Amino acid sequence: MITPPAPRASLIGKTAQACEYVSLASLAAIATLIFAQILLRNFASAAYAGIEELARFSHITLLFREGLHVNIDLLTQHAGPRLKWVLDALAALLTVVYCLFFLVSEYQFMAKNGSVPSPGLGIPNIVFFAGAYLGMALLLLTAAEKFLQRVKSQPKGGDR
């Protein structure tokens, strides 16, 4: 059973919480659309490209819940508090840089191809990929907030 997300205090946190609910709706839409496509193909010998495109659109808007992604902590699990502090700050900073590169490059891409319609439903690219851009912008804000929190805080304890 999925537990509801914990309440958050900041505007970024509240936005992230709203995105979690969008993610749950997107996940339900993906499952429903794929099941409908399977039923149409197997029982009605019919296929509709729009269903697959809607499922892809739902997948693009699927925003992952904080902390539920794959973590590789081989380096940090044995590190001292000071090294963990440095690595956390560096990871947040690198995430900010990645988000900036992504958003700038996608802006340049959409300036040329934003009005190109999708093949199945005719949705313009700018609308079709809006969820990905919103998610990346939210990740940028969250990573910047985390970086600033790390920089302002002091590492706990001494070195190992």
Protein backbone atom coordinates (compact mmCIF):
# COMPACT_ATOMS: atom_id res chain seq x y z
CA MET A 1 0.00 0.00 0.00
CA ILE A 2 1.30 3.46 -0.88
CA THR A 3 1.55 5.76 2.10
CA PRO A 4 0.70 9.42 1.58
CA PRO A 5 3.70 11.75 1.45
CA ALA A 6 4.71 13.57 4.61
CA PRO A 7 3.61 17.23 4.73
CA ARG A 8 6.26 19.77 3.70
CA ALA A 9 6.71 23.32 4.87
CA SER A 10 8.47 25.19 2.04
CA LEU A 11 6.94 26.26 -1.25
CA ILE A 12 9.30 23.90 -3.09
CA GLY A 13 8.25 21.11 -0.73
CA LYS A 14 4.56 21.76 -1.28
CA THR A 15 5.12 21.85 -5.04
CA ALA A 16 7.03 18.56 -4.81
CA GLN A 17 4.17 17.06 -2.83
CA ALA A 18 1.68 18.15 -5.51
CA CYS A 19 3.95 16.58 -8.13
CA GLU A 20 3.88 13.31 -6.17
CA TYR A 21 0.10 13.24 -6.58
CA VAL A 22 0.51 13.96 -10.30
CA SER A 23 2.94 11.04 -10.43
CA LEU A 24 0.44 8.71 -8.82
CA ALA A 25 -2.20 9.79 -11.35
CA SER A 26 0.31 9.33 -14.18
CA LEU A 27 1.17 5.84 -12.98
CA ALA A 28 -2.52 4.91 -12.85
CA ALA A 29 -3.01 6.35 -16.35
CA ILE A 30 -0.06 4.35 -17.72
CA ALA A 31 -1.43 1.09 -16.32
CA THR A 32 -4.96 1.80 -17.55
CA LEU A 33 -3.89 2.86 -21.04
CA ILE A 34 -1.57 -0.06 -21.58
CA PHE A 35 -4.26 -2.47 -20.36
CA ALA A 36 -6.78 -0.85 -22.74
CA GLN A 37 -4.31 -1.15 -25.62
CA ILE A 38 -3.79 -4.86 -24.86
CA LEU A 39 -7.54 -5.47 -24.75
CA LEU A 40 -8.08 -3.63 -28.03
CA ARG A 41 -5.34 -5.55 -29.81
CA ASN A 42 -6.26 -8.99 -28.49
CA PHE A 43 -10.05 -8.85 -28.51
CA ALA A 44 -10.90 -6.28 -31.19
CA SER A 45 -7.83 -6.66 -33.44
CA ALA A 46 -7.55 -2.89 -33.35
CA ALA A 47 -4.73 -0.59 -32.40
CA TYR A 48 -4.88 3.10 -31.75
CA ALA A 49 -1.61 5.05 -31.81
CA GLY A 50 -3.12 7.70 -29.56
CA ILE A 51 -3.34 5.29 -26.63
CA GLU A 52 0.37 4.53 -26.77
CA GLU A 53 1.13 8.21 -27.13
CA LEU A 54 -1.01 9.07 -24.10
CA ALA A 55 0.81 6.37 -22.11
CA ARG A 56 4.15 7.85 -23.20
CA PHE A 57 2.92 11.32 -22.22
CA SER A 58 1.94 9.97 -18.79
CA HIS A 59 5.37 8.39 -18.44
CA ILE A 60 7.07 11.69 -19.26
CA THR A 61 5.04 13.47 -16.57
CA LEU A 62 5.79 10.75 -14.04
CA LEU A 63 7.89 12.53 -11.43
CA PHE A 64 9.74 10.29 -9.04
CA ARG A 65 9.28 10.65 -5.32
CA GLU A 66 12.20 12.06 -3.40
CA GLY A 67 14.49 9.35 -2.08
CA LEU A 68 12.93 6.50 -4.06
CA HIS A 69 15.44 6.52 -6.88
CA VAL A 70 18.40 4.19 -7.01
CA ASN A 71 21.11 5.28 -4.62
CA ILE A 72 24.68 4.16 -4.99
CA ASP A 73 26.17 4.75 -1.59
CA LEU A 74 29.30 2.62 -1.73
CA LEU A 75 31.46 5.71 -1.24
CA THR A 76 29.35 7.45 1.38
CA GLN A 77 28.37 4.52 3.59
CA HIS A 78 31.87 4.30 5.07
CA ALA A 79 32.74 8.00 4.91
CA GLY A 80 33.02 10.26 7.91
CA PRO A 81 30.57 13.09 8.55
CA ARG A 82 32.79 15.77 6.98
CA LEU A 83 33.30 13.78 3.76
CA LYS A 84 29.56 13.00 3.59
CA TRP A 85 28.86 16.72 3.97
CA VAL A 86 31.26 17.57 1.12
CA LEU A 87 29.88 14.81 -1.13
CA ASP A 88 26.26 15.85 -0.46
CA ALA A 89 27.06 19.46 -1.33
CA LEU A 90 28.98 18.40 -4.45
CA ALA A 91 26.16 16.11 -5.59
CA ALA A 92 23.61 18.90 -5.16
CA LEU A 93 25.82 21.36 -7.04
CA LEU A 94 26.40 18.92 -9.91
CA THR A 95 22.65 18.31 -10.08
CA VAL A 96 22.06 22.07 -10.38
CA VAL A 97 24.61 22.28 -13.21
CA TYR A 98 23.03 19.29 -15.00
CA CYS A 99 19.55 20.80 -14.71
CA LEU A 100 20.76 24.11 -16.11
CA PHE A 101 22.38 22.38 -19.11
CA PHE A 102 19.24 20.31 -19.69
CA LEU A 103 16.86 23.24 -19.50
CA VAL A 104 18.98 25.50 -21.71
CA SER A 105 19.46 22.81 -24.36
CA GLU A 106 15.77 21.91 -24.33
CA TYR A 107 14.84 25.58 -24.62
CA GLN A 108 17.03 25.81 -27.72
CA PHE A 109 15.50 22.60 -29.10
CA MET A 110 11.94 23.72 -28.45
CA ALA A 111 12.60 27.11 -30.04
CA LYS A 112 12.99 25.22 -33.31
CA ASN A 113 10.73 22.18 -32.80
CA GLY A 114 8.17 23.18 -30.17
CA SER A 115 5.27 23.42 -32.59
CA VAL A 116 5.93 20.07 -34.30
CA PRO A 117 2.91 17.85 -33.57
CA SER A 118 3.16 14.32 -32.21
CA PRO A 119 2.24 11.65 -34.76
CA GLY A 120 -0.66 10.03 -32.91
CA LEU A 121 -2.60 12.85 -31.29
CA GLY A 122 -1.09 15.93 -32.89
CA ILE A 123 -0.02 17.44 -29.57
CA PRO A 124 2.72 20.05 -30.04
CA ASN A 125 6.12 18.99 -28.65
CA ILE A 126 6.14 21.91 -26.24
CA VAL A 127 2.99 20.55 -24.56
CA PHE A 128 3.95 16.89 -24.88
CA PHE A 129 7.23 17.38 -23.00
CA ALA A 130 5.99 20.03 -20.56
CA GLY A 131 5.97 17.53 -17.68
CA ALA A 132 9.64 16.76 -18.18
CA TYR A 133 10.51 20.45 -18.17
CA LEU A 134 8.44 21.10 -15.07
CA GLY A 135 10.08 18.14 -13.34
CA MET A 136 13.55 19.32 -14.30
CA ALA A 137 12.81 22.87 -13.13
CA LEU A 138 11.55 21.49 -9.83
CA LEU A 139 14.66 19.32 -9.53
CA LEU A 140 16.78 22.42 -10.17
CA LEU A 141 15.04 24.33 -7.36
CA THR A 142 15.21 21.37 -4.99
CA ALA A 143 18.91 20.74 -5.69
CA ALA A 144 19.72 24.45 -5.30
CA GLU A 145 17.86 24.50 -1.98
CA LYS A 146 19.70 21.37 -0.83
CA PHE A 147 23.06 22.83 -1.89
CA LEU A 148 22.39 26.06 0.03
CA GLN A 149 21.30 24.09 3.10
CA ARG A 150 24.49 21.99 2.96
CA VAL A 151 26.71 25.03 2.56
CA LYS A 152 25.04 26.83 5.48
CA SER A 153 25.14 23.79 7.77
CA GLN A 154 28.21 22.42 9.46
CA PRO A 155 29.21 18.77 9.20
CA LYS A 156 28.30 16.80 12.32
CA GLY A 157 31.08 15.17 14.29
CA GLY A 158 34.71 14.86 13.37
CA ASP A 159 36.55 13.07 10.64
CA ARG A 160 36.90 9.32 10.64
